[in-house]
Amino acid sequence: MTRMNAYDTPSTAGSSPVESTPQPVRHSLPPPGSPDLWLLRLSDTTDAGSDAATLDASERERAASFARPADRVRFTAAHRALRAVLGSYLGVPPAEIRYARETCPCCGGPHGRPALLGFPGDLHFSLSHRGDLVLIGVAGEPIGVDVELVPDIAGSGELALMLHPDEQREARALDPVRRPGAVARLWTRKEAYLKGLGTGLGRDPALDYIGLGAPAGPRPRVDWHFRDVPVDRGYVASVATRGPLTAPAARPNRVTGRFPRQR
């Protein structure tokens, strides 16, 4: 199905500039088993995420709390992109998006999975950003995404210590050259899963076995489904959904300029 961009309108011959002014268009939700994934490269943005006008007060406050300018820019660009993507499904300008938090499964506090305030609850989303990349997932069911830089050998060893014991053994069995990438894949799957649950790292990553998903290997011991997401060299990314993933793996759609654009 071809979907229009967030603020595209059909062209009309002889239209005046006023008549052709872009207006919000609501996109349909992706079908079950086929989440929509969106990727923003900060290096492709002209303003490098400096414009926080579409963010709400809490987002601007959090952006200002980062000590490093690069972290402020990444946070601002990521949340601007998330608003643009969500607006393209809801048919509203990005600044009109309002967020809420579901109940945390760990403690019952109001800091669980992010949700939309004042919109139907059948649109689920997840956001991750690292280095130059911002990854967004949208689905009609709970979803989590994560993107990470591939660590060096020492960093991968430290990261592996936080994983399930069987995942640690799975990583140690690999050739040392392949181990950092494998550990990064394990970690992104784990983080995507914990985001989808709504616990984040409030739940010990060592509790649940997910694994690398090799055909001959053991299946995940959780009722979630996982897929690696193809992204830029030097990064790994994963998506986790509560329902089965049925669509073939594909590169994410791009977020460029002000609005998201599909392949």
C-alpha atoms as a PDB file:
ATOM      1  CA  MET A   1       0.000   0.000   0.000  1.00  0.00           C
ATOM      2  CA  THR A   2       1.358   3.416  -0.908  1.00  0.00           C
ATOM      3  CA  ARG A   3       0.920   5.998   1.806  1.00  0.00           C
ATOM      4  CA  MET A   4       1.203   9.726   1.392  1.00  0.00           C
ATOM      5  CA  ASN A   5       3.780  11.684   3.338  1.00  0.00           C
ATOM      6  CA  ALA A   6       2.697  13.354   6.538  1.00  0.00           C
ATOM      7  CA  TYR A   7       1.871  16.685   4.973  1.00  0.00           C
ATOM      8  CA  ASP A   8       1.424  15.812   1.282  1.00  0.00           C
ATOM      9  CA  THR A   9      -1.745  16.619  -0.649  1.00  0.00           C
ATOM     10  CA  PRO A  10      -2.871  15.447  -4.087  1.00  0.00           C
ATOM     11  CA  SER A  11      -1.745  17.855  -6.824  1.00  0.00           C
ATOM     12  CA  THR A  12      -4.442  19.771  -8.673  1.00  0.00           C
ATOM     13  CA  ALA A  13      -3.840  21.486 -11.992  1.00  0.00           C
ATOM     14  CA  GLY A  14      -4.147  25.233 -11.730  1.00  0.00           C
ATOM     15  CA  SER A  15      -4.192  25.265  -7.957  1.00  0.00           C
ATOM     16  CA  SER A  16      -3.179  28.488  -6.301  1.00  0.00           C
ATOM     17  CA  PRO A  17      -0.336  28.562  -3.763  1.00  0.00           C
ATOM     18  CA  VAL A  18      -2.913  28.806  -0.967  1.00  0.00           C
ATOM     19  CA  GLU A  19      -4.858  25.797  -2.239  1.00  0.00           C
ATOM     20  CA  SER A  20      -1.704  23.706  -2.542  1.00  0.00           C
ATOM     21  CA  THR A  21      -0.503  24.419   0.984  1.00  0.00           C
ATOM     22  CA  PRO A  22       0.388  21.039   2.552  1.00  0.00           C
ATOM     23  CA  GLN A  23      -2.163  19.716   5.007  1.00  0.00           C
ATOM     24  CA  PRO A  24      -1.919  16.811   7.472  1.00  0.00           C
ATOM     25  CA  VAL A  25      -2.958  13.454   6.013  1.00  0.00           C
ATOM     26  CA  ARG A  26      -3.639  10.476   8.262  1.00  0.00           C
ATOM     27  CA  HIS A  27      -1.785   7.279   7.385  1.00  0.00           C
ATOM     28  CA  SER A  28      -3.172   3.839   8.079  1.00  0.00           C
ATOM     29  CA  LEU A  29      -1.625   1.661  10.766  1.00  0.00           C
ATOM     30  CA  PRO A  30       0.666  -1.110   9.528  1.00  0.00           C
ATOM     31  CA  PRO A  31      -0.999  -4.545   9.382  1.00  0.00           C
ATOM     32  CA  PRO A  32      -0.314  -7.102  12.142  1.00  0.00           C
ATOM     33  CA  GLY A  33       3.132  -8.637  11.900  1.00  0.00           C
ATOM     34  CA  SER A  34       4.497  -5.814   9.747  1.00  0.00           C
ATOM     35  CA  PRO A  35       5.598  -2.866  11.909  1.00  0.00           C
ATOM     36  CA  ASP A  36       6.705   0.327  10.212  1.00  0.00           C
ATOM     37  CA  LEU A  37      10.299   1.322  10.957  1.00  0.00           C
ATOM     38  CA  TRP A  38      11.745   4.798  10.407  1.00  0.00           C
ATOM     39  CA  LEU A  39      15.392   5.896  10.399  1.00  0.00           C
ATOM     40  CA  LEU A  40      16.849   9.386  10.766  1.00  0.00           C
ATOM     41  CA  ARG A  41      20.536  10.154  10.222  1.00  0.00           C
ATOM     42  CA  LEU A  42      21.494  13.244  12.174  1.00  0.00           C
ATOM     43  CA  SER A  43      24.243  13.954   9.656  1.00  0.00           C
ATOM     44  CA  ASP A  44      21.525  14.357   6.997  1.00  0.00           C
ATOM     45  CA  THR A  45      19.614  17.051   8.880  1.00  0.00           C
ATOM     46  CA  THR A  46      20.303  20.653   7.928  1.00  0.00           C
ATOM     47  CA  ASP A  47      19.625  22.155  11.357  1.00  0.00           C
ATOM     48  CA  ALA A  48      21.231  19.281  13.298  1.00  0.00           C
ATOM     49  CA  GLY A  49      18.248  19.056  15.634  1.00  0.00           C
ATOM     50  CA  SER A  50      18.559  22.583  17.006  1.00  0.00           C
ATOM     51  CA  ASP A  51      14.895  23.566  16.477  1.00  0.00           C
ATOM     52  CA  ALA A  52      12.863  22.480  19.504  1.00  0.00           C
ATOM     53  CA  ALA A  53       9.720  24.446  18.612  1.00  0.00           C
ATOM     54  CA  THR A  54       7.542  21.348  18.142  1.00  0.00           C
ATOM     55  CA  LEU A  55       8.564  19.792  21.466  1.00  0.00           C
ATOM     56  CA  ASP A  56       6.534  20.209  24.623  1.00  0.00           C
ATOM     57  CA  ALA A  57       7.820  21.827  27.802  1.00  0.00           C
ATOM     58  CA  SER A  58       8.927  18.571  29.426  1.00  0.00           C
ATOM     59  CA  GLU A  59      10.896  17.542  26.324  1.00  0.00           C
ATOM     60  CA  ARG A  60      12.607  20.925  26.116  1.00  0.00           C
ATOM     61  CA  GLU A  61      13.442  20.735  29.813  1.00  0.00           C
ATOM     62  CA  ARG A  62      14.944  17.289  29.402  1.00  0.00           C
ATOM     63  CA  ALA A  63      16.931  18.384  26.350  1.00  0.00           C
ATOM     64  CA  ALA A  64      18.345  21.315  28.327  1.00  0.00           C
ATOM     65  CA  SER A  65      19.425  18.960  31.118  1.00  0.00           C
ATOM     66  CA  PHE A  66      22.088  17.274  28.966  1.00  0.00           C
ATOM     67  CA  ALA A  67      25.571  18.583  29.708  1.00  0.00           C
ATOM     68  CA  ARG A  68      27.001  17.696  26.285  1.00  0.00           C
ATOM     69  CA  PRO A  69      25.740  19.733  23.302  1.00  0.00           C
ATOM     70  CA  ALA A  70      25.826  16.610  21.096  1.00  0.00           C
ATOM     71  CA  ASP A  71      23.430  14.828  23.464  1.00  0.00           C
ATOM     72  CA  ARG A  72      21.043  17.793  23.436  1.00  0.00           C
ATOM     73  CA  VAL A  73      21.074  17.856  19.636  1.00  0.00           C
ATOM     74  CA  ARG A  74      20.478  14.089  19.372  1.00  0.00           C
ATOM     75  CA  PHE A  75      17.611  14.148  21.878  1.00  0.00           C
ATOM     76  CA  THR A  76      15.942  17.121  20.188  1.00  0.00           C
ATOM     77  CA  ALA A  77      16.275  15.667  16.689  1.00  0.00           C
ATOM     78  CA  ALA A  78      15.008  12.262  17.841  1.00  0.00           C
ATOM     79  CA  HIS A  79      11.906  13.656  19.507  1.00  0.00           C
ATOM     80  CA  ARG A  80      11.173  15.997  16.626  1.00  0.00           C
ATOM     81  CA  ALA A  81      11.350  13.006  14.284  1.00  0.00           C
ATOM     82  CA  LEU A  82       9.091  10.934  16.536  1.00  0.00           C
ATOM     83  CA  ARG A  83       6.474  13.681  16.532  1.00  0.00           C
ATOM     84  CA  ALA A  84       6.634  13.994  12.748  1.00  0.00           C
ATOM     85  CA  VAL A  85       6.230  10.231  12.307  1.00  0.00           C
ATOM     86  CA  LEU A  86       3.346   9.945  14.766  1.00  0.00           C
ATOM     87  CA  GLY A  87       1.652  12.980  13.235  1.00  0.00           C
ATOM     88  CA  SER A  88       1.754  11.241   9.867  1.00  0.00           C
ATOM     89  CA  TYR A  89      -0.417   8.425  11.270  1.00  0.00           C
ATOM     90  CA  LEU A  90      -2.716  10.571  13.371  1.00  0.00           C
ATOM     91  CA  GLY A  91      -3.185  13.314  10.775  1.00  0.00           C
ATOM     92  CA  VAL A  92      -2.202  16.128  13.138  1.00  0.00           C
ATOM     93  CA  PRO A  93       0.721  18.579  13.233  1.00  0.00           C
ATOM     94  CA  PRO A  94       3.692  17.307  15.261  1.00  0.00           C
ATOM     95  CA  ALA A  95       3.307  19.974  17.950  1.00  0.00           C
ATOM     96  CA  GLU A  96      -0.183  18.660  18.802  1.00  0.00           C
ATOM     97  CA  ILE A  97       1.093  15.243  19.905  1.00  0.00           C
ATOM     98  CA  ARG A  98       0.642  14.657  23.641  1.00  0.00           C
ATOM     99  CA  TYR A  99       2.200  11.792  25.567  1.00  0.00           C
ATOM    100  CA  ALA A 100       1.264   9.727  28.581  1.00  0.00           C
ATOM    101  CA  ARG A 101       2.881   6.814  30.409  1.00  0.00           C
ATOM    102  CA  GLU A 102       1.354   3.430  31.074  1.00  0.00           C
ATOM    103  CA  THR A 103       1.751   1.746  34.445  1.00  0.00           C
ATOM    104  CA  CYS A 104       5.201   0.253  35.016  1.00  0.00           C
ATOM    105  CA  PRO A 105       4.962  -3.570  35.213  1.00  0.00           C
ATOM    106  CA  CYS A 106       7.814  -3.628  37.733  1.00  0.00           C
ATOM    107  CA  CYS A 107       6.596  -1.214  40.391  1.00  0.00           C
ATOM    108  CA  GLY A 108       3.167   0.042  39.335  1.00  0.00           C
ATOM    109  CA  GLY A 109       4.445   3.612  38.973  1.00  0.00           C
ATOM    110  CA  PRO A 110       3.459   5.992  36.133  1.00  0.00           C
ATOM    111  CA  HIS A 111       6.611   5.461  34.093  1.00  0.00           C
ATOM    112  CA  GLY A 112       5.865   2.423  31.920  1.00  0.00           C
ATOM    113  CA  ARG A 113       5.545   2.189  28.143  1.00  0.00           C
ATOM    114  CA  PRO A 114       4.978   5.582  26.429  1.00  0.00           C
ATOM    115  CA  ALA A 115       1.510   6.118  24.991  1.00  0.00           C
ATOM    116  CA  LEU A 116      -0.475   8.812  23.206  1.00  0.00           C
ATOM    117  CA  LEU A 117      -2.761  11.071  25.204  1.00  0.00           C
ATOM    118  CA  GLY A 118      -6.119  11.876  23.657  1.00  0.00           C
ATOM    119  CA  PHE A 119      -5.756   9.519  20.685  1.00  0.00           C
ATOM    120  CA  PRO A 120      -6.917   5.929  20.101  1.00  0.00           C
ATOM    121  CA  GLY A 121      -4.842   3.369  21.960  1.00  0.00           C
ATOM    122  CA  ASP A 122      -4.266   1.093  18.949  1.00  0.00           C
ATOM    123  CA  LEU A 123      -1.126   2.960  17.838  1.00  0.00           C
ATOM    124  CA  HIS A 124       2.024   1.777  19.614  1.00  0.00           C
ATOM    125  CA  PHE A 125       5.498   3.220  19.131  1.00  0.00           C
ATOM    126  CA  SER A 126       9.081   3.039  20.319  1.00  0.00           C
ATOM    127  CA  LEU A 127      12.118   5.308  19.947  1.00  0.00           C
ATOM    128  CA  SER A 128      15.865   4.682  20.159  1.00  0.00           C
ATOM    129  CA  HIS A 129      18.859   6.842  19.298  1.00  0.00           C
ATOM    130  CA  ARG A 130      22.593   6.308  19.389  1.00  0.00           C
ATOM    131  CA  GLY A 131      25.446   8.109  17.666  1.00  0.00           C
ATOM    132  CA  ASP A 132      24.247   9.392  14.284  1.00  0.00           C
ATOM    133  CA  LEU A 133      21.095   7.261  14.105  1.00  0.00           C
ATOM    134  CA  VAL A 134      17.520   7.598  15.350  1.00  0.00           C
ATOM    135  CA  LEU A 135      15.240   4.557  14.975  1.00  0.00           C
ATOM    136  CA  ILE A 136      11.442   4.679  15.406  1.00  0.00           C
ATOM    137  CA  GLY A 137       8.990   1.772  15.341  1.00  0.00           C
ATOM    138  CA  VAL A 138       5.209   2.045  14.852  1.00  0.00           C
ATOM    139  CA  ALA A 139       2.753  -0.860  15.123  1.00  0.00           C
ATOM    140  CA  GLY A 140      -0.797  -1.781  16.067  1.00  0.00           C
ATOM    141  CA  GLU A 141       0.564  -3.846  18.966  1.00  0.00           C
ATOM    142  CA  PRO A 142       3.194  -3.300  21.669  1.00  0.00           C
ATOM    143  CA  ILE A 143       6.613  -2.751  20.083  1.00  0.00           C
ATOM    144  CA  GLY A 144      10.168  -1.956  21.117  1.00  0.00           C
ATOM    145  CA  VAL A 145      13.162  -0.886  19.042  1.00  0.00           C
ATOM    146  CA  ASP A 146      16.815  -0.359  19.868  1.00  0.00           C
ATOM    147  CA  VAL A 147      19.880   0.805  17.939  1.00  0.00           C
ATOM    148  CA  GLU A 148      23.434   0.610  19.249  1.00  0.00           C
ATOM    149  CA  LEU A 149      27.010   1.150  18.146  1.00  0.00           C
ATOM    150  CA  VAL A 150      29.001  -2.086  17.863  1.00  0.00           C
ATOM    151  CA  PRO A 151      31.412  -2.017  20.847  1.00  0.00           C
ATOM    152  CA  ASP A 152      35.076  -2.949  20.807  1.00  0.00           C
ATOM    153  CA  ILE A 153      36.213  -6.277  22.253  1.00  0.00           C
ATOM    154  CA  ALA A 154      36.615  -4.925  25.786  1.00  0.00           C
ATOM    155  CA  GLY A 155      33.272  -3.142  25.674  1.00  0.00           C
ATOM    156  CA  SER A 156      31.500  -6.232  24.380  1.00  0.00           C
ATOM    157  CA  GLY A 157      32.908  -8.284  27.246  1.00  0.00           C
ATOM    158  CA  GLU A 158      31.504  -5.843  29.801  1.00  0.00           C
ATOM    159  CA  LEU A 159      28.139  -5.730  28.022  1.00  0.00           C
ATOM    160  CA  ALA A 160      27.897  -9.515  27.856  1.00  0.00           C
ATOM    161  CA  LEU A 161      28.113  -9.744  31.657  1.00  0.00           C
ATOM    162  CA  MET A 162      24.671  -8.108  31.861  1.00  0.00           C
ATOM    163  CA  LEU A 163      22.984 -10.742  29.667  1.00  0.00           C
ATOM    164  CA  HIS A 164      21.254 -14.019  30.526  1.00  0.00           C
ATOM    165  CA  PRO A 165      23.788 -16.771  31.390  1.00  0.00           C
ATOM    166  CA  ASP A 166      22.793 -18.800  28.304  1.00  0.00           C
ATOM    167  CA  GLU A 167      23.261 -15.717  26.131  1.00  0.00           C
ATOM    168  CA  GLN A 168      26.703 -15.209  27.625  1.00  0.00           C
ATOM    169  CA  ARG A 169      27.589 -18.804  26.724  1.00  0.00           C
ATOM    170  CA  GLU A 170      26.190 -18.269  23.226  1.00  0.00           C
ATOM    171  CA  ALA A 171      28.461 -15.252  22.750  1.00  0.00           C
ATOM    172  CA  ARG A 172      31.555 -16.940  24.197  1.00  0.00           C
ATOM    173  CA  ALA A 173      31.145 -19.834  21.737  1.00  0.00           C
ATOM    174  CA  LEU A 174      31.662 -17.479  18.787  1.00  0.00           C
ATOM    175  CA  ASP A 175      34.938 -16.528  17.162  1.00  0.00           C
ATOM    176  CA  PRO A 176      36.373 -13.477  19.025  1.00  0.00           C
ATOM    177  CA  VAL A 177      36.237 -11.415  15.828  1.00  0.00           C
ATOM    178  CA  ARG A 178      32.458 -11.979  15.563  1.00  0.00           C
ATOM    179  CA  ARG A 179      31.770 -11.632  19.266  1.00  0.00           C
ATOM    180  CA  PRO A 180      31.360  -7.809  19.556  1.00  0.00           C
ATOM    181  CA  GLY A 181      28.736  -7.738  16.807  1.00  0.00           C
ATOM    182  CA  ALA A 182      26.907 -10.725  18.297  1.00  0.00           C
ATOM    183  CA  VAL A 183      26.868  -9.200  21.784  1.00  0.00           C
ATOM    184  CA  ALA A 184      25.558  -5.949  20.326  1.00  0.00           C
ATOM    185  CA  ARG A 185      22.769  -7.872  18.554  1.00  0.00           C
ATOM    186  CA  LEU A 186      21.897  -9.678  21.783  1.00  0.00           C
ATOM    187  CA  TRP A 187      21.805  -6.381  23.634  1.00  0.00           C
ATOM    188  CA  THR A 188      19.615  -4.571  21.107  1.00  0.00           C
ATOM    189  CA  ARG A 189      17.145  -7.458  21.143  1.00  0.00           C
ATOM    190  CA  LYS A 190      17.087  -7.358  24.931  1.00  0.00           C
ATOM    191  CA  GLU A 191      16.602  -3.580  25.085  1.00  0.00           C
ATOM    192  CA  ALA A 192      13.891  -3.671  22.402  1.00  0.00           C
ATOM    193  CA  TYR A 193      12.081  -6.348  24.424  1.00  0.00           C
ATOM    194  CA  LEU A 194      12.352  -4.419  27.703  1.00  0.00           C
ATOM    195  CA  LYS A 195      11.089  -1.257  26.013  1.00  0.00           C
ATOM    196  CA  GLY A 196       8.181  -3.200  24.576  1.00  0.00           C
ATOM    197  CA  LEU A 197       7.352  -4.563  28.024  1.00  0.00           C
ATOM    198  CA  GLY A 198       7.435  -1.040  29.402  1.00  0.00           C
ATOM    199  CA  THR A 199      10.023  -1.813  32.081  1.00  0.00           C
ATOM    200  CA  GLY A 200      13.196  -0.626  30.406  1.00  0.00           C
ATOM    201  CA  LEU A 201      16.263  -1.533  32.410  1.00  0.00           C
ATOM    202  CA  GLY A 202      14.134  -1.542  35.562  1.00  0.00           C
ATOM    203  CA  ARG A 203      13.891  -5.272  34.771  1.00  0.00           C
ATOM    204  CA  ASP A 204      17.204  -7.120  35.046  1.00  0.00           C
ATOM    205  CA  PRO A 205      18.410  -7.938  31.489  1.00  0.00           C
ATOM    206  CA  ALA A 206      19.774 -11.244  32.795  1.00  0.00           C
ATOM    207  CA  LEU A 207      16.321 -12.582  33.717  1.00  0.00           C
ATOM    208  CA  ASP A 208      15.033 -13.475  30.237  1.00  0.00           C
ATOM    209  CA  TYR A 209      16.659 -15.544  27.506  1.00  0.00           C
ATOM    210  CA  ILE A 210      16.202 -14.172  23.986  1.00  0.00           C
ATOM    211  CA  GLY A 211      19.330 -15.297  22.156  1.00  0.00           C
ATOM    212  CA  LEU A 212      20.555 -14.752  18.623  1.00  0.00           C
ATOM    213  CA  GLY A 213      17.715 -16.638  16.985  1.00  0.00           C
ATOM    214  CA  ALA A 214      19.872 -19.038  14.978  1.00  0.00           C
ATOM    215  CA  PRO A 215      17.732 -21.689  13.218  1.00  0.00           C
ATOM    216  CA  ALA A 216      19.483 -24.520  15.062  1.00  0.00           C
ATOM    217  CA  GLY A 217      19.577 -22.717  18.383  1.00  0.00           C
ATOM    218  CA  PRO A 218      17.065 -22.500  21.222  1.00  0.00           C
ATOM    219  CA  ARG A 219      13.997 -20.326  20.796  1.00  0.00           C
ATOM    220  CA  PRO A 220      13.470 -17.209  22.939  1.00  0.00           C
ATOM    221  CA  ARG A 221      11.926 -18.043  26.279  1.00  0.00           C
ATOM    222  CA  VAL A 222       9.597 -15.072  26.141  1.00  0.00           C
ATOM    223  CA  ASP A 223       6.316 -14.561  24.320  1.00  0.00           C
ATOM    224  CA  TRP A 224       7.778 -11.926  22.012  1.00  0.00           C
ATOM    225  CA  HIS A 225       9.158 -11.962  18.479  1.00  0.00           C
ATOM    226  CA  PHE A 226      12.422 -10.436  17.289  1.00  0.00           C
ATOM    227  CA  ARG A 227      14.097  -9.289  14.113  1.00  0.00           C
ATOM    228  CA  ASP A 228      17.396  -7.616  13.311  1.00  0.00           C
ATOM    229  CA  VAL A 229      16.993  -4.300  11.485  1.00  0.00           C
ATOM    230  CA  PRO A 230      19.500  -3.451   8.722  1.00  0.00           C
ATOM    231  CA  VAL A 231      21.090  -0.093   9.483  1.00  0.00           C
ATOM    232  CA  ASP A 232      24.427   1.646   8.838  1.00  0.00           C
ATOM    233  CA  ARG A 233      27.821  -0.016   9.143  1.00  0.00           C
ATOM    234  CA  GLY A 234      29.111   0.099  12.699  1.00  0.00           C
ATOM    235  CA  TYR A 235      25.609  -0.104  14.178  1.00  0.00           C
ATOM    236  CA  VAL A 236      23.162  -2.877  14.988  1.00  0.00           C
ATOM    237  CA  ALA A 237      19.427  -2.555  15.565  1.00  0.00           C
ATOM    238  CA  SER A 238      16.493  -4.775  16.512  1.00  0.00           C
ATOM    239  CA  VAL A 239      12.714  -4.677  16.718  1.00  0.00           C
ATOM    240  CA  ALA A 240      10.573  -6.683  19.159  1.00  0.00           C
ATOM    241  CA  THR A 241       6.791  -7.117  18.953  1.00  0.00           C
ATOM    242  CA  ARG A 242       4.330  -8.985  21.115  1.00  0.00           C
ATOM    243  CA  GLY A 243       2.738 -10.507  18.007  1.00  0.00           C
ATOM    244  CA  PRO A 244       4.480 -12.647  15.347  1.00  0.00           C
ATOM    245  CA  LEU A 245       6.547 -10.850  12.713  1.00  0.00           C
ATOM    246  CA  THR A 246       5.258 -11.981   9.313  1.00  0.00           C
ATOM    247  CA  ALA A 247       6.632  -9.429   6.843  1.00  0.00           C
ATOM    248  CA  PRO A 248      10.139  -9.940   5.405  1.00  0.00           C
ATOM    249  CA  ALA A 249      12.935  -7.845   6.849  1.00  0.00           C
ATOM    250  CA  ALA A 250      13.470  -4.553   5.053  1.00  0.00           C
ATOM    251  CA  ARG A 251      15.458  -1.382   5.524  1.00  0.00           C
ATOM    252  CA  PRO A 252      13.606   1.268   7.520  1.00  0.00           C
ATOM    253  CA  ASN A 253      11.828   4.154   5.853  1.00  0.00           C
ATOM    254  CA  ARG A 254      13.754   7.402   5.933  1.00  0.00           C
ATOM    255  CA  VAL A 255      12.994  10.531   7.904  1.00  0.00           C
ATOM    256  CA  THR A 256      14.429  13.494   6.007  1.00  0.00           C
ATOM    257  CA  GLY A 257      13.803  17.203   6.248  1.00  0.00           C
ATOM    258  CA  ARG A 258      10.681  18.084   8.219  1.00  0.00           C
ATOM    259  CA  PHE A 259       8.557  15.022   7.477  1.00  0.00           C
ATOM    260  CA  PRO A 260       8.886  11.233   7.197  1.00  0.00           C
ATOM    261  CA  ARG A 261       9.015   9.700   3.753  1.00  0.00           C
ATOM    262  CA  GLN A 262       8.377   6.099   2.762  1.00  0.00           C
ATOM    263  CA  ARG A 263      10.459   4.058   0.356  1.00  0.00           C
END
